């Protein structure tokens, strides 16, 4: 399972991890996440997609897949 960080994770990072993404990501991996990203570009059948949890992370020049 891969985690794309969103607003709830950002609150947890700020409160418990002093807003340090690397420490939060390591904790998540120790809990079973394979990877943790703020956003992620993937390629499927020759098409690139930007996976995001927050609309503010969308890229204007790409097709964005927004999940919440």
N, C-alpha and C. Protein backbone atom coordinates (compact mmCIF):
# COMPACT_ATOMS: atom_id res chain seq x y z
N UNK A 1 0.84 -1.16 0.00
CA UNK A 1 0.00 0.00 0.00
C UNK A 1 0.89 1.24 0.00
N UNK A 2 0.51 2.22 -0.82
CA UNK A 2 1.24 3.48 -0.94
C UNK A 2 0.36 4.59 -0.41
N UNK A 3 0.94 5.49 0.35
CA UNK A 3 0.21 6.62 0.92
C UNK A 3 0.57 7.89 0.19
N UNK A 4 -0.45 8.60 -0.30
CA UNK A 4 -0.28 9.95 -0.83
C UNK A 4 -0.77 10.89 0.28
N UNK A 5 0.13 11.69 0.80
CA UNK A 5 -0.15 12.52 1.97
C UNK A 5 -1.23 13.57 1.66
N UNK A 6 -2.16 13.71 2.58
CA UNK A 6 -3.22 14.70 2.46
C UNK A 6 -3.31 15.55 3.71
N UNK A 7 -4.42 16.23 3.86
CA UNK A 7 -4.57 17.18 4.97
C UNK A 7 -4.51 16.51 6.34
N UNK A 8 -5.09 15.34 6.52
CA UNK A 8 -5.02 14.68 7.83
C UNK A 8 -3.60 14.27 8.17
N UNK A 9 -2.89 13.73 7.20
CA UNK A 9 -1.50 13.35 7.45
C UNK A 9 -0.63 14.56 7.74
N UNK A 10 -0.92 15.68 7.07
CA UNK A 10 -0.15 16.90 7.35
C UNK A 10 -0.38 17.38 8.78
N UNK A 11 -1.59 17.25 9.28
CA UNK A 11 -1.85 17.62 10.68
C UNK A 11 -1.08 16.71 11.64
N UNK A 12 -1.04 15.42 11.35
CA UNK A 12 -0.32 14.46 12.18
C UNK A 12 1.18 14.77 12.14
N UNK A 13 1.70 15.04 10.93
CA UNK A 13 3.12 15.39 10.80
C UNK A 13 3.47 16.61 11.64
N UNK A 14 2.63 17.62 11.57
CA UNK A 14 2.89 18.86 12.30
C UNK A 14 2.84 18.64 13.81
N UNK A 15 1.84 17.90 14.27
CA UNK A 15 1.64 17.72 15.70
C UNK A 15 2.63 16.73 16.33
N UNK A 16 2.88 15.61 15.67
CA UNK A 16 3.67 14.55 16.30
C UNK A 16 5.08 14.37 15.74
N UNK A 17 5.36 14.94 14.56
CA UNK A 17 6.66 14.72 13.93
C UNK A 17 7.39 16.04 13.63
N UNK A 18 6.98 17.11 14.31
CA UNK A 18 7.62 18.42 14.15
C UNK A 18 7.68 18.84 12.67
N UNK A 19 6.64 18.43 11.93
CA UNK A 19 6.49 18.75 10.50
C UNK A 19 7.62 18.18 9.65
N UNK A 20 8.22 17.07 10.07
CA UNK A 20 9.33 16.45 9.34
C UNK A 20 8.80 15.27 8.52
N UNK A 21 8.72 15.49 7.20
CA UNK A 21 8.17 14.48 6.30
C UNK A 21 8.94 13.16 6.39
N UNK A 22 10.26 13.21 6.39
CA UNK A 22 11.06 11.97 6.40
C UNK A 22 10.78 11.12 7.64
N UNK A 23 10.64 11.75 8.79
CA UNK A 23 10.35 11.00 10.01
C UNK A 23 8.95 10.41 9.97
N UNK A 24 7.99 11.18 9.46
CA UNK A 24 6.63 10.67 9.31
C UNK A 24 6.59 9.51 8.33
N UNK A 25 7.28 9.65 7.20
CA UNK A 25 7.30 8.59 6.19
C UNK A 25 7.91 7.32 6.76
N UNK A 26 8.98 7.43 7.51
CA UNK A 26 9.61 6.26 8.13
C UNK A 26 8.63 5.58 9.09
N UNK A 27 7.95 6.35 9.90
CA UNK A 27 6.96 5.80 10.82
C UNK A 27 5.88 5.04 10.04
N UNK A 28 5.38 5.63 8.97
CA UNK A 28 4.35 4.98 8.16
C UNK A 28 4.85 3.67 7.56
N UNK A 29 6.09 3.67 7.10
CA UNK A 29 6.67 2.44 6.55
C UNK A 29 6.80 1.36 7.61
N UNK A 30 7.14 1.76 8.83
CA UNK A 30 7.23 0.79 9.92
C UNK A 30 5.85 0.22 10.27
N UNK A 31 4.79 0.96 9.92
CA UNK A 31 3.42 0.50 10.16
C UNK A 31 2.87 -0.31 9.00
N UNK A 32 3.64 -0.45 7.91
CA UNK A 32 3.21 -1.30 6.80
C UNK A 32 3.06 -0.65 5.45
N UNK A 33 3.19 0.66 5.37
CA UNK A 33 3.12 1.32 4.06
C UNK A 33 4.37 0.99 3.27
N UNK A 34 4.19 0.73 1.98
CA UNK A 34 5.36 0.45 1.14
C UNK A 34 6.14 1.73 0.86
N UNK A 35 5.42 2.81 0.54
CA UNK A 35 6.03 4.11 0.27
C UNK A 35 5.09 5.21 0.72
N UNK A 36 5.63 6.40 0.91
CA UNK A 36 4.85 7.58 1.29
C UNK A 36 5.30 8.73 0.40
N UNK A 37 4.34 9.42 -0.22
CA UNK A 37 4.65 10.51 -1.14
C UNK A 37 3.76 11.71 -0.85
N UNK A 38 4.26 12.89 -1.20
CA UNK A 38 3.41 14.10 -1.19
C UNK A 38 2.58 14.13 -2.46
N UNK A 39 3.14 13.67 -3.55
CA UNK A 39 2.46 13.44 -4.82
C UNK A 39 3.32 12.42 -5.57
N UNK A 40 2.75 11.85 -6.62
CA UNK A 40 3.49 10.79 -7.32
C UNK A 40 3.10 10.81 -8.79
N UNK A 41 4.09 10.81 -9.67
CA UNK A 41 3.84 10.70 -11.10
C UNK A 41 4.02 9.25 -11.50
N UNK A 42 2.99 8.69 -12.13
CA UNK A 42 3.04 7.31 -12.60
C UNK A 42 2.76 7.29 -14.09
N UNK A 43 3.26 6.25 -14.76
CA UNK A 43 3.01 6.09 -16.18
C UNK A 43 2.24 4.80 -16.39
N UNK A 44 1.14 4.91 -17.12
CA UNK A 44 0.29 3.76 -17.43
C UNK A 44 0.04 3.77 -18.93
N UNK A 45 0.41 2.70 -19.58
CA UNK A 45 0.20 2.56 -21.03
C UNK A 45 0.71 3.78 -21.80
N UNK A 46 1.86 4.29 -21.40
CA UNK A 46 2.48 5.41 -22.09
C UNK A 46 1.94 6.78 -21.73
N UNK A 47 0.99 6.85 -20.79
CA UNK A 47 0.42 8.12 -20.36
C UNK A 47 0.85 8.41 -18.93
N UNK A 48 1.27 9.66 -18.68
CA UNK A 48 1.70 10.04 -17.33
C UNK A 48 0.54 10.69 -16.58
N UNK A 49 0.45 10.33 -15.30
CA UNK A 49 -0.57 10.86 -14.41
C UNK A 49 0.09 11.34 -13.13
N UNK A 50 -0.40 12.43 -12.59
CA UNK A 50 0.06 12.96 -11.32
C UNK A 50 -0.98 12.55 -10.26
N UNK A 51 -0.59 11.71 -9.33
CA UNK A 51 -1.49 11.28 -8.25
C UNK A 51 -1.35 12.23 -7.09
N UNK A 52 -2.47 12.80 -6.65
CA UNK A 52 -2.45 13.76 -5.56
C UNK A 52 -3.61 13.52 -4.61
N UNK A 53 -3.45 14.03 -3.39
CA UNK A 53 -4.52 13.98 -2.40
C UNK A 53 -5.11 15.37 -2.18
N UNK A 54 -4.36 16.38 -2.57
CA UNK A 54 -4.80 17.77 -2.40
C UNK A 54 -4.80 18.47 -3.75
N UNK A 55 -5.85 19.20 -4.03
CA UNK A 55 -5.95 19.91 -5.30
C UNK A 55 -4.78 20.87 -5.49
N UNK A 56 -4.27 21.42 -4.42
CA UNK A 56 -3.15 22.37 -4.51
C UNK A 56 -1.87 21.71 -5.05
N UNK A 57 -1.82 20.38 -5.06
CA UNK A 57 -0.64 19.67 -5.57
C UNK A 57 -0.77 19.30 -7.05
N UNK A 58 -1.89 19.68 -7.68
CA UNK A 58 -2.09 19.37 -9.11
C UNK A 58 -1.08 20.11 -9.96
N UNK A 59 -0.72 19.50 -11.10
CA UNK A 59 0.19 20.11 -12.05
C UNK A 59 -0.61 20.52 -13.29
N UNK A 60 -0.43 21.76 -13.71
CA UNK A 60 -1.21 22.29 -14.84
C UNK A 60 -0.91 21.58 -16.15
N UNK A 61 0.31 21.08 -16.32
CA UNK A 61 0.70 20.49 -17.59
C UNK A 61 0.50 18.97 -17.64
N UNK A 62 -0.21 18.39 -16.67
CA UNK A 62 -0.40 16.95 -16.62
C UNK A 62 -1.85 16.61 -16.31
N UNK A 63 -2.20 15.37 -16.60
CA UNK A 63 -3.49 14.86 -16.15
C UNK A 63 -3.33 14.46 -14.69
N UNK A 64 -4.16 15.02 -13.84
CA UNK A 64 -4.07 14.77 -12.41
C UNK A 64 -5.17 13.83 -11.96
N UNK A 65 -4.82 12.87 -11.13
CA UNK A 65 -5.79 11.98 -10.51
C UNK A 65 -5.85 12.36 -9.04
N UNK A 66 -6.99 12.87 -8.65
CA UNK A 66 -7.19 13.39 -7.30
C UNK A 66 -8.02 12.41 -6.50
N UNK A 67 -7.49 11.97 -5.37
CA UNK A 67 -8.23 11.05 -4.52
C UNK A 67 -8.34 11.61 -3.12
N UNK A 68 -9.46 11.32 -2.50
CA UNK A 68 -9.65 11.82 -1.15
C UNK A 68 -10.37 10.79 -0.33
